[in-house]
N, C-alpha and C. Protein backbone atom coordinates (compact mmCIF):
# COMPACT_ATOMS: atom_id res chain seq x y z
N MET A 1 108.56 114.44 104.17
CA MET A 1 108.65 115.26 105.37
C MET A 1 110.08 115.77 105.53
N THR A 2 110.23 116.92 106.17
CA THR A 2 111.54 117.56 106.30
C THR A 2 112.55 116.65 106.99
N GLU A 3 112.10 115.92 108.01
CA GLU A 3 113.01 115.06 108.77
C GLU A 3 113.59 113.92 107.93
N LEU A 4 113.00 113.66 106.79
CA LEU A 4 113.49 112.61 105.90
C LEU A 4 114.31 113.17 104.73
N GLY A 5 114.35 114.48 104.62
CA GLY A 5 115.10 115.09 103.53
C GLY A 5 114.53 114.78 102.16
N GLY A 6 113.24 114.47 102.10
CA GLY A 6 112.62 114.14 100.82
C GLY A 6 111.79 112.88 100.92
N ASN A 7 111.50 112.27 99.79
CA ASN A 7 110.67 111.07 99.76
C ASN A 7 111.45 109.84 100.21
N ALA A 8 110.74 108.95 100.91
CA ALA A 8 111.34 107.68 101.33
C ALA A 8 110.72 106.51 100.58
N VAL A 9 109.51 106.70 100.06
CA VAL A 9 108.83 105.63 99.32
C VAL A 9 108.44 106.14 97.94
N PHE A 10 108.38 105.22 96.98
CA PHE A 10 108.14 105.61 95.59
C PHE A 10 107.25 104.59 94.89
N MET A 11 106.54 105.05 93.88
CA MET A 11 105.78 104.17 93.00
C MET A 11 106.53 104.10 91.66
N ASP A 12 106.96 102.92 91.28
CA ASP A 12 107.67 102.81 90.02
C ASP A 12 106.70 102.74 88.84
N GLY A 13 107.25 102.73 87.63
CA GLY A 13 106.43 102.76 86.43
C GLY A 13 105.48 101.59 86.32
N ASP A 14 105.95 100.40 86.71
CA ASP A 14 105.10 99.22 86.62
C ASP A 14 103.90 99.34 87.55
N ALA A 15 104.12 99.87 88.75
CA ALA A 15 103.02 100.03 89.70
C ALA A 15 101.99 101.02 89.17
N HIS A 16 102.45 102.09 88.54
CA HIS A 16 101.52 103.07 87.96
C HIS A 16 100.70 102.44 86.83
N ARG A 17 101.37 101.66 85.99
CA ARG A 17 100.64 101.01 84.89
C ARG A 17 99.60 100.03 85.42
N ARG A 18 99.95 99.28 86.44
CA ARG A 18 98.99 98.37 87.06
C ARG A 18 97.83 99.15 87.67
N GLY A 19 98.15 100.30 88.26
CA GLY A 19 97.12 101.10 88.92
C GLY A 19 96.04 101.60 87.97
N VAL A 20 96.43 101.90 86.74
CA VAL A 20 95.46 102.44 85.77
C VAL A 20 94.88 101.35 84.87
N THR A 21 95.28 100.10 85.11
CA THR A 21 94.73 99.00 84.30
C THR A 21 94.07 97.94 85.16
N THR A 22 94.87 97.11 85.80
CA THR A 22 94.31 95.94 86.50
C THR A 22 94.16 96.07 88.00
N ASP A 23 94.92 96.98 88.64
CA ASP A 23 94.94 97.06 90.10
C ASP A 23 94.74 98.50 90.58
N PRO A 24 93.52 99.03 90.46
CA PRO A 24 93.28 100.44 90.82
C PRO A 24 93.58 100.79 92.28
N HIS A 25 93.59 99.78 93.16
CA HIS A 25 93.87 100.07 94.57
C HIS A 25 95.29 100.63 94.76
N LEU A 26 96.18 100.35 93.80
CA LEU A 26 97.54 100.86 93.91
C LEU A 26 97.61 102.38 93.78
N LEU A 27 96.60 102.97 93.17
CA LEU A 27 96.61 104.43 92.99
C LEU A 27 96.47 105.17 94.32
N THR A 28 96.03 104.48 95.37
CA THR A 28 95.91 105.12 96.68
C THR A 28 97.10 104.80 97.57
N ALA A 29 98.05 104.01 97.07
CA ALA A 29 99.23 103.67 97.86
C ALA A 29 100.31 104.74 97.70
N ALA A 30 101.19 104.83 98.70
CA ALA A 30 102.30 105.78 98.62
C ALA A 30 103.48 105.18 97.88
N GLY A 31 103.61 103.84 97.94
CA GLY A 31 104.68 103.18 97.23
C GLY A 31 105.47 102.24 98.11
N LYS A 32 106.64 101.84 97.62
CA LYS A 32 107.55 100.98 98.37
C LYS A 32 108.79 101.78 98.76
N PRO A 33 109.47 101.37 99.84
CA PRO A 33 110.69 102.08 100.23
C PRO A 33 111.72 102.13 99.11
N GLY A 34 112.38 103.27 98.98
CA GLY A 34 113.43 103.41 97.98
C GLY A 34 114.67 102.63 98.39
N PRO A 35 115.70 102.63 97.54
CA PRO A 35 116.91 101.82 97.79
C PRO A 35 117.70 102.24 99.03
N LEU A 36 117.49 103.46 99.53
CA LEU A 36 118.25 103.94 100.68
C LEU A 36 117.42 103.99 101.96
N ALA A 37 116.22 103.40 101.92
CA ALA A 37 115.34 103.50 103.09
C ALA A 37 114.72 102.15 103.43
N GLU A 38 114.40 101.98 104.72
CA GLU A 38 113.64 100.84 105.20
C GLU A 38 112.40 101.37 105.89
N ALA A 39 111.33 100.60 105.86
CA ALA A 39 110.08 101.04 106.49
C ALA A 39 109.45 99.89 107.27
N ARG A 40 108.79 100.24 108.36
CA ARG A 40 108.06 99.27 109.18
C ARG A 40 106.75 99.91 109.62
N ILE A 41 105.79 99.07 110.02
CA ILE A 41 104.55 99.52 110.64
C ILE A 41 104.57 98.99 112.06
N VAL A 42 104.49 99.89 113.04
CA VAL A 42 104.66 99.48 114.44
C VAL A 42 103.54 100.03 115.31
N ASP A 43 103.43 99.44 116.52
CA ASP A 43 102.49 99.96 117.50
C ASP A 43 103.19 100.98 118.38
N HIS A 44 102.54 101.42 119.46
CA HIS A 44 103.11 102.47 120.31
C HIS A 44 104.42 102.05 120.97
N ALA A 45 104.64 100.72 121.10
CA ALA A 45 105.86 100.21 121.73
C ALA A 45 106.92 99.84 120.70
N MET A 46 106.75 100.25 119.45
CA MET A 46 107.68 99.97 118.36
C MET A 46 107.73 98.49 118.01
N VAL A 47 106.65 97.75 118.29
CA VAL A 47 106.55 96.34 117.92
C VAL A 47 105.91 96.24 116.54
N ASP A 48 106.49 95.44 115.65
CA ASP A 48 105.98 95.30 114.29
C ASP A 48 104.57 94.73 114.29
N LEU A 49 103.73 95.27 113.40
CA LEU A 49 102.35 94.81 113.27
C LEU A 49 102.21 93.91 112.04
N PRO A 50 101.20 93.05 112.03
CA PRO A 50 101.01 92.13 110.90
C PRO A 50 100.67 92.88 109.60
N THR A 51 100.88 92.20 108.49
CA THR A 51 100.54 92.75 107.18
C THR A 51 99.08 93.19 107.14
N GLY A 52 98.85 94.41 106.67
CA GLY A 52 97.49 94.93 106.53
C GLY A 52 96.96 95.63 107.76
N GLU A 53 97.66 95.54 108.89
CA GLU A 53 97.17 96.19 110.11
C GLU A 53 97.71 97.62 110.18
N VAL A 54 96.86 98.55 110.62
CA VAL A 54 97.25 99.97 110.67
C VAL A 54 98.07 100.27 111.91
N GLY A 55 99.17 100.96 111.71
CA GLY A 55 100.03 101.41 112.80
C GLY A 55 100.84 102.60 112.34
N GLU A 56 101.84 102.99 113.13
CA GLU A 56 102.66 104.13 112.75
C GLU A 56 103.75 103.70 111.78
N ILE A 57 103.97 104.52 110.75
CA ILE A 57 105.03 104.26 109.79
C ILE A 57 106.34 104.80 110.37
N VAL A 58 107.36 103.92 110.44
CA VAL A 58 108.68 104.36 110.88
C VAL A 58 109.67 104.08 109.75
N ILE A 59 110.66 104.97 109.62
CA ILE A 59 111.61 104.91 108.51
C ILE A 59 113.04 104.93 109.05
N ARG A 60 113.90 104.13 108.45
CA ARG A 60 115.33 104.15 108.78
C ARG A 60 116.13 104.25 107.49
N GLY A 61 117.19 105.04 107.52
CA GLY A 61 118.03 105.18 106.34
C GLY A 61 118.97 106.36 106.48
N ALA A 62 119.90 106.47 105.53
CA ALA A 62 120.90 107.53 105.57
C ALA A 62 120.27 108.92 105.45
N GLN A 63 119.07 108.99 104.88
CA GLN A 63 118.44 110.29 104.67
C GLN A 63 117.75 110.84 105.91
N VAL A 64 117.59 110.01 106.94
CA VAL A 64 116.93 110.47 108.17
C VAL A 64 117.79 111.51 108.87
N PHE A 65 117.17 112.58 109.31
CA PHE A 65 117.92 113.67 109.93
C PHE A 65 118.58 113.20 111.23
N SER A 66 119.58 113.96 111.69
CA SER A 66 120.32 113.56 112.89
C SER A 66 119.65 114.02 114.18
N GLY A 67 118.73 114.99 114.08
CA GLY A 67 118.04 115.45 115.29
C GLY A 67 117.62 116.90 115.18
N TYR A 68 116.79 117.32 116.13
CA TYR A 68 116.33 118.71 116.17
C TYR A 68 117.38 119.59 116.84
N TRP A 69 117.54 120.77 116.31
CA TRP A 69 118.55 121.70 116.80
C TRP A 69 118.27 122.08 118.26
N ASN A 70 119.25 121.81 119.12
CA ASN A 70 119.17 122.16 120.55
C ASN A 70 117.91 121.64 121.23
N ASP A 71 117.43 120.48 120.79
CA ASP A 71 116.22 119.90 121.39
C ASP A 71 116.39 118.38 121.52
N PRO A 72 117.26 117.95 122.42
CA PRO A 72 117.52 116.51 122.56
C PRO A 72 116.30 115.72 123.01
N ALA A 73 115.40 116.34 123.77
CA ALA A 73 114.21 115.63 124.25
C ALA A 73 113.31 115.24 123.08
N SER A 74 113.05 116.20 122.18
CA SER A 74 112.21 115.91 121.01
C SER A 74 112.90 114.91 120.09
N THR A 75 114.22 115.01 119.97
CA THR A 75 114.97 114.07 119.14
C THR A 75 114.83 112.65 119.67
N ALA A 76 114.93 112.50 120.99
CA ALA A 76 114.83 111.18 121.61
C ALA A 76 113.44 110.58 121.44
N GLU A 77 112.41 111.43 121.38
CA GLU A 77 111.04 110.95 121.18
C GLU A 77 110.78 110.55 119.73
N THR A 78 111.51 111.18 118.82
CA THR A 78 111.26 111.00 117.39
C THR A 78 112.10 109.91 116.76
N ILE A 79 113.34 109.76 117.18
CA ILE A 79 114.23 108.75 116.63
C ILE A 79 114.48 107.68 117.68
N ILE A 80 114.02 106.46 117.39
CA ILE A 80 114.16 105.33 118.31
C ILE A 80 115.06 104.28 117.66
N ASP A 81 116.26 104.10 118.22
CA ASP A 81 117.22 103.12 117.67
C ASP A 81 117.42 103.30 116.16
N GLY A 82 117.48 104.54 115.73
CA GLY A 82 117.72 104.84 114.32
C GLY A 82 116.47 104.92 113.47
N TRP A 83 115.31 104.55 114.03
CA TRP A 83 114.05 104.59 113.29
C TRP A 83 113.32 105.90 113.57
N LEU A 84 112.94 106.59 112.51
CA LEU A 84 112.21 107.85 112.63
C LEU A 84 110.71 107.58 112.75
N ARG A 85 110.11 108.04 113.83
CA ARG A 85 108.66 107.96 113.99
C ARG A 85 108.05 109.10 113.18
N THR A 86 107.37 108.76 112.09
CA THR A 86 106.88 109.79 111.17
C THR A 86 105.64 110.50 111.67
N GLY A 87 104.88 109.86 112.56
CA GLY A 87 103.60 110.44 112.97
C GLY A 87 102.49 110.13 112.00
N ASP A 88 102.80 109.38 110.94
CA ASP A 88 101.79 108.96 109.96
C ASP A 88 101.33 107.55 110.28
N LEU A 89 100.02 107.32 110.16
CA LEU A 89 99.47 105.99 110.32
C LEU A 89 99.24 105.37 108.95
N GLY A 90 99.55 104.09 108.83
CA GLY A 90 99.37 103.43 107.55
C GLY A 90 99.51 101.93 107.70
N PHE A 91 99.57 101.24 106.57
CA PHE A 91 99.73 99.79 106.58
C PHE A 91 100.53 99.36 105.37
N ILE A 92 101.09 98.16 105.44
CA ILE A 92 101.83 97.57 104.33
C ILE A 92 101.07 96.35 103.85
N ASP A 93 100.85 96.26 102.53
CA ASP A 93 100.11 95.11 102.01
C ASP A 93 101.07 93.94 101.73
N SER A 94 100.53 92.87 101.21
CA SER A 94 101.31 91.65 101.00
C SER A 94 102.42 91.81 99.97
N GLU A 95 102.33 92.85 99.12
CA GLU A 95 103.36 93.10 98.12
C GLU A 95 104.42 94.10 98.61
N GLY A 96 104.19 94.65 99.78
CA GLY A 96 105.15 95.62 100.31
C GLY A 96 104.81 97.06 100.02
N PHE A 97 103.62 97.34 99.43
CA PHE A 97 103.20 98.72 99.19
C PHE A 97 102.68 99.34 100.48
N ILE A 98 103.12 100.54 100.75
CA ILE A 98 102.69 101.28 101.93
C ILE A 98 101.56 102.22 101.56
N SER A 99 100.50 102.23 102.36
CA SER A 99 99.39 103.18 102.19
C SER A 99 99.28 104.01 103.46
N VAL A 100 99.10 105.30 103.29
CA VAL A 100 98.96 106.21 104.42
C VAL A 100 97.48 106.39 104.73
N VAL A 101 97.12 106.22 105.99
CA VAL A 101 95.72 106.36 106.42
C VAL A 101 95.43 107.76 106.91
N ASP A 102 96.30 108.29 107.77
CA ASP A 102 96.08 109.63 108.32
C ASP A 102 97.28 110.00 109.17
N ARG A 103 97.32 111.28 109.58
CA ARG A 103 98.28 111.70 110.59
C ARG A 103 97.82 111.17 111.94
N LYS A 104 98.75 110.69 112.73
CA LYS A 104 98.42 110.13 114.04
C LYS A 104 97.65 111.14 114.89
N LYS A 105 98.07 112.40 114.86
CA LYS A 105 97.44 113.42 115.69
C LYS A 105 96.09 113.87 115.14
N ASP A 106 95.76 113.47 113.90
CA ASP A 106 94.49 113.88 113.31
C ASP A 106 93.41 112.81 113.41
N ILE A 107 93.74 111.66 114.00
CA ILE A 107 92.73 110.62 114.22
C ILE A 107 91.71 111.13 115.24
N ILE A 108 90.44 110.96 114.92
CA ILE A 108 89.34 111.39 115.80
C ILE A 108 88.82 110.17 116.54
N VAL A 109 88.72 110.28 117.86
CA VAL A 109 88.20 109.18 118.67
C VAL A 109 86.81 109.57 119.16
N THR A 110 85.80 108.95 118.56
CA THR A 110 84.42 109.28 118.91
C THR A 110 83.68 108.03 119.38
N GLY A 111 83.20 108.07 120.59
CA GLY A 111 82.51 106.91 121.15
C GLY A 111 83.38 105.67 121.21
N GLY A 112 84.69 105.87 121.38
CA GLY A 112 85.61 104.74 121.43
C GLY A 112 86.05 104.21 120.08
N GLU A 113 85.55 104.79 119.00
CA GLU A 113 85.91 104.37 117.65
C GLU A 113 86.87 105.37 117.02
N ASN A 114 87.86 104.87 116.28
CA ASN A 114 88.81 105.74 115.58
C ASN A 114 88.28 106.11 114.20
N VAL A 115 88.36 107.39 113.89
CA VAL A 115 87.93 107.89 112.57
C VAL A 115 89.12 108.60 111.93
N ALA A 116 89.51 108.15 110.75
CA ALA A 116 90.58 108.81 110.00
C ALA A 116 89.99 110.01 109.27
N SER A 117 90.47 111.20 109.61
CA SER A 117 89.93 112.41 108.99
C SER A 117 90.10 112.38 107.47
N ARG A 118 91.20 111.81 107.02
CA ARG A 118 91.46 111.77 105.58
C ARG A 118 90.39 110.97 104.84
N GLU A 119 89.95 109.86 105.44
CA GLU A 119 88.92 109.04 104.79
C GLU A 119 87.63 109.82 104.61
N VAL A 120 87.25 110.58 105.63
CA VAL A 120 86.02 111.37 105.54
C VAL A 120 86.19 112.49 104.53
N GLU A 121 87.34 113.13 104.52
CA GLU A 121 87.60 114.21 103.57
C GLU A 121 87.49 113.73 102.13
N GLU A 122 88.02 112.56 101.85
CA GLU A 122 87.97 112.03 100.48
C GLU A 122 86.54 111.81 100.02
N VAL A 123 85.68 111.38 100.93
CA VAL A 123 84.27 111.18 100.58
C VAL A 123 83.59 112.53 100.34
N LEU A 124 83.81 113.48 101.21
CA LEU A 124 83.12 114.78 101.10
C LEU A 124 83.55 115.55 99.86
N HIS A 125 84.75 115.27 99.36
CA HIS A 125 85.20 115.93 98.13
C HIS A 125 84.36 115.52 96.93
N ARG A 126 83.56 114.46 97.07
CA ARG A 126 82.70 114.02 95.97
C ARG A 126 81.56 115.02 95.71
N HIS A 127 81.23 115.83 96.70
CA HIS A 127 80.13 116.79 96.53
C HIS A 127 80.59 117.90 95.59
N PRO A 128 79.83 118.21 94.56
CA PRO A 128 80.26 119.24 93.60
C PRO A 128 80.39 120.63 94.20
N GLY A 129 79.75 120.84 95.34
CA GLY A 129 79.81 122.16 95.96
C GLY A 129 80.97 122.33 96.93
N VAL A 130 81.78 121.29 97.09
CA VAL A 130 82.91 121.36 98.02
C VAL A 130 84.19 121.68 97.26
N LEU A 131 84.73 122.86 97.52
CA LEU A 131 86.01 123.24 96.92
C LEU A 131 87.16 122.68 97.75
N GLU A 132 87.08 122.88 99.06
CA GLU A 132 88.09 122.37 99.98
C GLU A 132 87.38 121.87 101.24
N VAL A 133 87.98 120.90 101.91
CA VAL A 133 87.39 120.40 103.14
C VAL A 133 88.49 119.90 104.06
N ALA A 134 88.31 120.14 105.34
CA ALA A 134 89.20 119.60 106.36
C ALA A 134 88.31 119.05 107.48
N VAL A 135 88.59 117.84 107.90
CA VAL A 135 87.80 117.20 108.95
C VAL A 135 88.61 117.14 110.24
N ILE A 136 88.00 117.54 111.33
CA ILE A 136 88.68 117.58 112.63
C ILE A 136 87.76 117.02 113.69
N GLY A 137 88.31 116.76 114.86
CA GLY A 137 87.51 116.36 116.00
C GLY A 137 87.27 117.55 116.90
N VAL A 138 86.05 117.68 117.40
CA VAL A 138 85.72 118.74 118.34
C VAL A 138 85.19 118.09 119.62
N PRO A 139 85.38 118.74 120.77
CA PRO A 139 84.93 118.14 122.03
C PRO A 139 83.42 117.87 122.03
N ASP A 140 83.05 116.72 122.59
CA ASP A 140 81.65 116.35 122.69
C ASP A 140 81.42 115.68 124.05
N GLU A 141 80.42 116.17 124.80
CA GLU A 141 80.20 115.67 126.15
C GLU A 141 79.84 114.20 126.18
N HIS A 142 79.14 113.72 125.16
CA HIS A 142 78.68 112.33 125.16
C HIS A 142 79.68 111.39 124.49
N TRP A 143 80.24 111.82 123.34
CA TRP A 143 81.09 110.94 122.54
C TRP A 143 82.57 111.15 122.76
N GLY A 144 82.95 112.14 123.55
CA GLY A 144 84.37 112.45 123.73
C GLY A 144 84.83 113.43 122.66
N GLU A 145 84.72 113.01 121.43
CA GLU A 145 84.96 113.88 120.28
C GLU A 145 83.86 113.65 119.26
N ALA A 146 83.56 114.68 118.49
CA ALA A 146 82.60 114.55 117.40
C ALA A 146 83.29 114.95 116.10
N VAL A 147 82.89 114.29 115.03
CA VAL A 147 83.45 114.59 113.71
C VAL A 147 82.87 115.91 113.20
N CYS A 148 83.74 116.80 112.77
CA CYS A 148 83.31 118.10 112.25
C CYS A 148 83.99 118.36 110.91
N ALA A 149 83.21 118.78 109.94
CA ALA A 149 83.74 119.08 108.60
C ALA A 149 83.72 120.59 108.38
N ALA A 150 84.89 121.15 108.12
CA ALA A 150 85.00 122.57 107.76
C ALA A 150 85.13 122.63 106.24
N ILE A 151 84.19 123.31 105.61
CA ILE A 151 84.09 123.28 104.15
C ILE A 151 84.19 124.67 103.55
N VAL A 152 85.02 124.76 102.51
CA VAL A 152 85.06 125.97 101.68
C VAL A 152 84.19 125.68 100.46
N PRO A 153 83.03 126.36 100.34
CA PRO A 153 82.12 126.07 99.22
C PRO A 153 82.72 126.50 97.88
N ARG A 154 82.37 125.76 96.84
CA ARG A 154 82.78 126.14 95.49
C ARG A 154 81.88 127.29 95.03
N PRO A 155 82.46 128.36 94.51
CA PRO A 155 81.66 129.51 94.07
C PRO A 155 80.56 129.10 93.09
N GLY A 156 79.35 129.57 93.35
CA GLY A 156 78.24 129.33 92.44
C GLY A 156 77.50 128.03 92.66
N ILE A 157 77.97 127.19 93.61
CA ILE A 157 77.29 125.92 93.87
C ILE A 157 76.91 125.85 95.34
N ALA A 158 75.65 125.69 95.62
CA ALA A 158 75.18 125.66 97.00
C ALA A 158 75.54 124.33 97.65
N VAL A 159 75.82 124.37 98.94
CA VAL A 159 76.09 123.15 99.70
C VAL A 159 75.45 123.32 101.09
N THR A 160 74.74 122.30 101.54
CA THR A 160 74.08 122.35 102.83
C THR A 160 74.61 121.26 103.75
N SER A 161 74.41 121.47 105.04
CA SER A 161 74.84 120.49 106.03
C SER A 161 74.15 119.15 105.80
N GLU A 162 72.87 119.21 105.45
CA GLU A 162 72.10 117.99 105.24
C GLU A 162 72.68 117.17 104.08
N GLU A 163 73.09 117.85 103.03
CA GLU A 163 73.68 117.15 101.88
C GLU A 163 75.00 116.49 102.25
N ILE A 164 75.80 117.18 103.03
CA ILE A 164 77.10 116.66 103.44
C ILE A 164 76.93 115.42 104.31
N VAL A 165 76.02 115.47 105.28
CA VAL A 165 75.79 114.34 106.16
C VAL A 165 75.24 113.15 105.37
N ALA A 166 74.32 113.42 104.45
CA ALA A 166 73.72 112.35 103.63
C ALA A 166 74.78 111.69 102.75
N LEU A 167 75.69 112.49 102.20
CA LEU A 167 76.77 111.95 101.37
C LEU A 167 77.66 111.03 102.18
N ALA A 168 78.03 111.48 103.38
CA ALA A 168 78.89 110.67 104.23
C ALA A 168 78.19 109.37 104.63
N ARG A 169 76.91 109.44 104.89
CA ARG A 169 76.15 108.26 105.30
C ARG A 169 76.11 107.21 104.19
N ASN A 170 76.15 107.65 102.95
CA ASN A 170 76.10 106.73 101.81
C ASN A 170 77.38 105.91 101.65
N TYR A 171 78.50 106.47 102.13
CA TYR A 171 79.79 105.82 101.88
C TYR A 171 80.53 105.37 103.14
N LEU A 172 80.10 105.86 104.29
CA LEU A 172 80.84 105.60 105.52
C LEU A 172 79.95 105.01 106.60
N ALA A 173 80.59 104.38 107.58
CA ALA A 173 79.85 103.91 108.76
C ALA A 173 79.24 105.12 109.47
N SER A 174 78.14 104.90 110.15
CA SER A 174 77.39 106.00 110.75
C SER A 174 78.24 106.85 111.69
N TYR A 175 79.11 106.21 112.48
CA TYR A 175 79.89 106.97 113.46
C TYR A 175 80.95 107.87 112.80
N LYS A 176 81.19 107.67 111.50
CA LYS A 176 82.19 108.49 110.79
C LYS A 176 81.60 109.74 110.15
N LYS A 177 80.28 109.81 110.08
CA LYS A 177 79.68 110.97 109.41
C LYS A 177 79.82 112.22 110.30
N PRO A 178 79.93 113.40 109.69
CA PRO A 178 80.07 114.63 110.47
C PRO A 178 78.83 114.91 111.32
N ARG A 179 79.08 115.25 112.57
CA ARG A 179 78.00 115.71 113.44
C ARG A 179 77.87 117.23 113.37
N HIS A 180 78.91 117.87 112.87
CA HIS A 180 78.90 119.32 112.67
C HIS A 180 79.47 119.62 111.29
N VAL A 181 78.85 120.57 110.61
CA VAL A 181 79.36 121.06 109.32
C VAL A 181 79.46 122.56 109.42
N VAL A 182 80.65 123.09 109.14
CA VAL A 182 80.91 124.52 109.24
C VAL A 182 81.39 125.02 107.89
N LEU A 183 80.76 126.05 107.37
CA LEU A 183 81.19 126.66 106.11
C LEU A 183 82.15 127.82 106.42
N VAL A 184 83.32 127.79 105.78
CA VAL A 184 84.33 128.82 106.02
C VAL A 184 84.80 129.39 104.69
N GLU A 185 85.39 130.58 104.74
CA GLU A 185 85.87 131.22 103.51
C GLU A 185 87.18 130.61 103.03
N SER A 186 88.00 130.13 103.96
CA SER A 186 89.28 129.53 103.60
C SER A 186 89.76 128.65 104.74
N LEU A 187 90.72 127.79 104.45
CA LEU A 187 91.33 126.93 105.46
C LEU A 187 92.70 127.49 105.81
N PRO A 188 93.06 127.54 107.08
CA PRO A 188 94.38 128.06 107.45
C PRO A 188 95.48 127.11 107.00
N ARG A 189 96.46 127.64 106.31
CA ARG A 189 97.56 126.81 105.79
C ARG A 189 98.91 127.41 106.18
N ASN A 190 99.91 126.55 106.27
CA ASN A 190 101.26 127.04 106.53
C ASN A 190 101.94 127.37 105.20
N THR A 191 103.20 127.73 105.25
CA THR A 191 103.89 128.19 104.04
C THR A 191 104.06 127.09 103.00
N SER A 192 103.99 125.82 103.43
CA SER A 192 104.10 124.72 102.47
C SER A 192 102.75 124.25 101.96
N GLY A 193 101.67 124.93 102.39
CA GLY A 193 100.34 124.62 101.88
C GLY A 193 99.55 123.62 102.69
N LYS A 194 100.12 123.10 103.77
CA LYS A 194 99.40 122.13 104.60
C LYS A 194 98.39 122.83 105.50
N VAL A 195 97.22 122.20 105.65
CA VAL A 195 96.19 122.76 106.52
C VAL A 195 96.66 122.68 107.98
N MET A 196 96.62 123.80 108.66
CA MET A 196 97.00 123.84 110.08
C MET A 196 95.77 123.51 110.91
N LYS A 197 95.59 122.24 111.20
CA LYS A 197 94.37 121.81 111.87
C LYS A 197 94.28 122.30 113.32
N HIS A 198 95.42 122.55 113.95
CA HIS A 198 95.36 123.09 115.31
C HIS A 198 94.78 124.50 115.32
N VAL A 199 95.07 125.26 114.27
CA VAL A 199 94.49 126.61 114.13
C VAL A 199 93.01 126.49 113.76
N LEU A 200 92.70 125.56 112.87
CA LEU A 200 91.32 125.37 112.43
C LEU A 200 90.44 124.95 113.61
N ARG A 201 90.95 124.13 114.51
CA ARG A 201 90.15 123.70 115.67
C ARG A 201 89.72 124.90 116.51
N ASP A 202 90.64 125.86 116.69
CA ASP A 202 90.30 127.07 117.46
C ASP A 202 89.25 127.90 116.73
N GLN A 203 89.40 128.03 115.41
CA GLN A 203 88.43 128.81 114.62
C GLN A 203 87.05 128.16 114.66
N VAL A 204 87.01 126.84 114.51
CA VAL A 204 85.74 126.13 114.51
C VAL A 204 85.09 126.20 115.88
N ALA A 205 85.89 126.12 116.94
CA ALA A 205 85.34 126.20 118.29
C ALA A 205 84.61 127.52 118.50
N GLU A 206 85.15 128.60 117.97
CA GLU A 206 84.50 129.91 118.09
C GLU A 206 83.18 129.93 117.31
N ILE A 207 83.19 129.33 116.13
CA ILE A 207 81.98 129.32 115.30
C ILE A 207 80.88 128.50 115.99
N LEU A 208 81.24 127.31 116.50
CA LEU A 208 80.25 126.47 117.15
C LEU A 208 79.73 127.08 118.43
N ALA A 209 80.60 127.81 119.15
CA ALA A 209 80.18 128.44 120.40
C ALA A 209 79.18 129.56 120.15
N SER A 210 79.27 130.16 118.95
CA SER A 210 78.37 131.29 118.64
C SER A 210 77.02 130.85 118.11
N ARG A 211 76.85 129.53 117.88
CA ARG A 211 75.59 129.03 117.31
C ARG A 211 74.52 128.92 118.41
């Protein structure tokens, strides 16, 4: 992330070798903090969480930026006692490897349950007809939010809502499966290639309203 001036965690050669031989779970990890960085997993009050528990990843080190230009309020919210609140949710395992679960703002709360959009996206990518997918929460009168999958179909391969929901049901808890599936021509991205989910939410809202 820009506020870190580059990567803060890394996977060394040994970890990669283990990942492709004896410990495949390491392939989904982001790595361990580099020599110039420290990392913690904390709750909303900046209290450290136990090993394996999901919380916000915070980073401290010389590479952390000094603050936002002419925006002391945002700086004070982002840097707490030298620790940068990344906005990423993740956990640290017993070996010290950090895994990222999702962006904090992209967590969907449906029926009181938290759904990581990234987890659902990874499952839906298994469908051969899915070229790109972004999962977001949309307002729902009963559940608060409902899981919605915006999908860019792969040319020449058909994909249906029923197939997407069935795929999710095979790999995920029922409350995590999409309640809405929207086919789109492309996903809105910023100049660095990241999906702009705030823009996508507005686009999807228009599509669902027209149904």
